[in-house]
Amino acid sequence: MKRDGSIELLDLFDALSLEQICRVPALLKENPLFGDKKKDALLIKEINELIYNKKLDAQFSVAKNSSLEFKIMLADVIEKLIRYENR
């Protein structure tokens, strides 16, 4: 929360779990915030991007915190997939 009492939207979304954030677009579709459909659609689009980025962050965190053995196995799988794709 800022000194003037306002809340930064991105900070709010950082505090929420992915499960909580994923509910927001459907809620906004049912209960639009603006009278302008373009603004509502843009807001939903931006929130969907935040959800996508939060999912990527979670996947990166899992990979980053994985054991060395798991990372080596994952690298082998990726290498095999690349070879398969190049056939």
Protein backbone atom coordinates (compact mmCIF):
# COMPACT_ATOMS: atom_id res chain seq x y z
CA MET A 1 0.00 0.00 0.00
CA LYS A 2 1.30 3.44 -0.89
CA ARG A 3 1.45 6.37 1.51
CA ASP A 4 -1.63 7.92 -0.06
CA GLY A 5 -3.61 4.75 0.70
CA SER A 6 -3.72 3.49 -2.88
CA ILE A 7 -2.78 -0.04 -3.81
CA GLU A 8 -0.60 -0.91 -6.78
CA LEU A 9 -2.49 -3.50 -8.84
CA LEU A 10 0.65 -5.48 -9.69
CA ASP A 11 1.61 -5.68 -6.02
CA LEU A 12 -1.84 -7.02 -5.25
CA PHE A 13 -1.48 -9.70 -7.90
CA ASP A 14 1.98 -10.62 -6.60
CA ALA A 15 0.43 -11.25 -3.18
CA LEU A 16 -2.31 -13.51 -4.56
CA SER A 17 -1.83 -17.18 -5.34
CA LEU A 18 -2.04 -18.40 -8.92
CA GLU A 19 -5.31 -20.14 -8.10
CA GLN A 20 -6.80 -16.88 -6.85
CA ILE A 21 -5.61 -14.86 -9.84
CA CYS A 22 -7.00 -17.42 -12.28
CA ARG A 23 -10.52 -16.66 -11.01
CA VAL A 24 -10.28 -12.94 -11.78
CA PRO A 25 -10.91 -12.93 -15.58
CA ALA A 26 -14.17 -14.90 -15.21
CA LEU A 27 -15.30 -12.60 -12.41
CA LEU A 28 -14.54 -9.54 -14.54
CA LYS A 29 -16.48 -10.99 -17.47
CA GLU A 30 -19.50 -11.47 -15.20
CA ASN A 31 -19.07 -8.11 -13.46
CA PRO A 32 -17.30 -5.59 -15.71
CA LEU A 33 -15.53 -2.72 -13.97
CA PHE A 34 -15.88 -0.19 -16.76
CA GLY A 35 -18.77 0.82 -18.97
CA ASP A 36 -16.41 0.57 -21.93
CA LYS A 37 -16.13 -2.97 -23.34
CA LYS A 38 -12.72 -2.19 -24.84
CA LYS A 39 -11.32 -1.20 -21.43
CA ASP A 40 -12.78 -4.32 -19.82
CA ALA A 41 -11.36 -6.54 -22.57
CA LEU A 42 -7.95 -4.88 -22.25
CA LEU A 43 -7.96 -5.37 -18.48
CA ILE A 44 -8.84 -9.05 -18.86
CA LYS A 45 -6.11 -9.45 -21.48
CA GLU A 46 -3.53 -7.86 -19.17
CA ILE A 47 -4.60 -10.06 -16.27
CA ASN A 48 -4.32 -13.15 -18.49
CA GLU A 49 -0.75 -12.08 -19.31
CA LEU A 50 -0.02 -11.74 -15.59
CA ILE A 51 -1.40 -15.25 -15.05
CA TYR A 52 0.75 -16.61 -17.87
CA ASN A 53 3.86 -14.90 -16.47
CA LYS A 54 3.12 -16.14 -12.95
CA LYS A 55 2.83 -19.69 -14.33
CA LEU A 56 6.18 -19.29 -16.08
CA ASP A 57 7.73 -17.97 -12.86
CA ALA A 58 6.41 -21.00 -10.99
CA GLN A 59 7.83 -23.38 -13.60
CA PHE A 60 11.17 -21.58 -13.53
CA SER A 61 11.23 -21.76 -9.75
CA VAL A 62 10.62 -25.51 -9.81
CA ALA A 63 13.37 -26.00 -12.37
CA LYS A 64 15.75 -23.72 -10.49
CA ASN A 65 15.22 -25.56 -7.21
CA SER A 66 15.48 -29.04 -8.72
CA SER A 67 18.34 -31.38 -8.01
CA LEU A 68 21.33 -31.57 -10.33
CA GLU A 69 20.31 -35.10 -11.34
CA PHE A 70 16.85 -33.90 -12.36
CA LYS A 71 18.34 -31.03 -14.38
CA ILE A 72 20.65 -33.45 -16.21
CA MET A 73 17.73 -35.78 -16.97
CA LEU A 74 15.66 -32.84 -18.19
CA ALA A 75 18.51 -31.68 -20.44
CA ASP A 76 18.74 -35.20 -21.91
CA VAL A 77 15.00 -35.25 -22.61
CA ILE A 78 15.17 -31.84 -24.30
CA GLU A 79 18.15 -32.96 -26.40
CA LYS A 80 16.26 -36.09 -27.52
CA LEU A 81 13.20 -34.01 -28.39
CA ILE A 82 15.34 -31.67 -30.49
CA ARG A 83 16.91 -34.61 -32.31
CA TYR A 84 13.47 -36.12 -32.91
CA GLU A 85 12.15 -32.78 -34.21
CA ASN A 86 15.09 -32.44 -36.62
CA ARG A 87 14.38 -35.79 -38.32
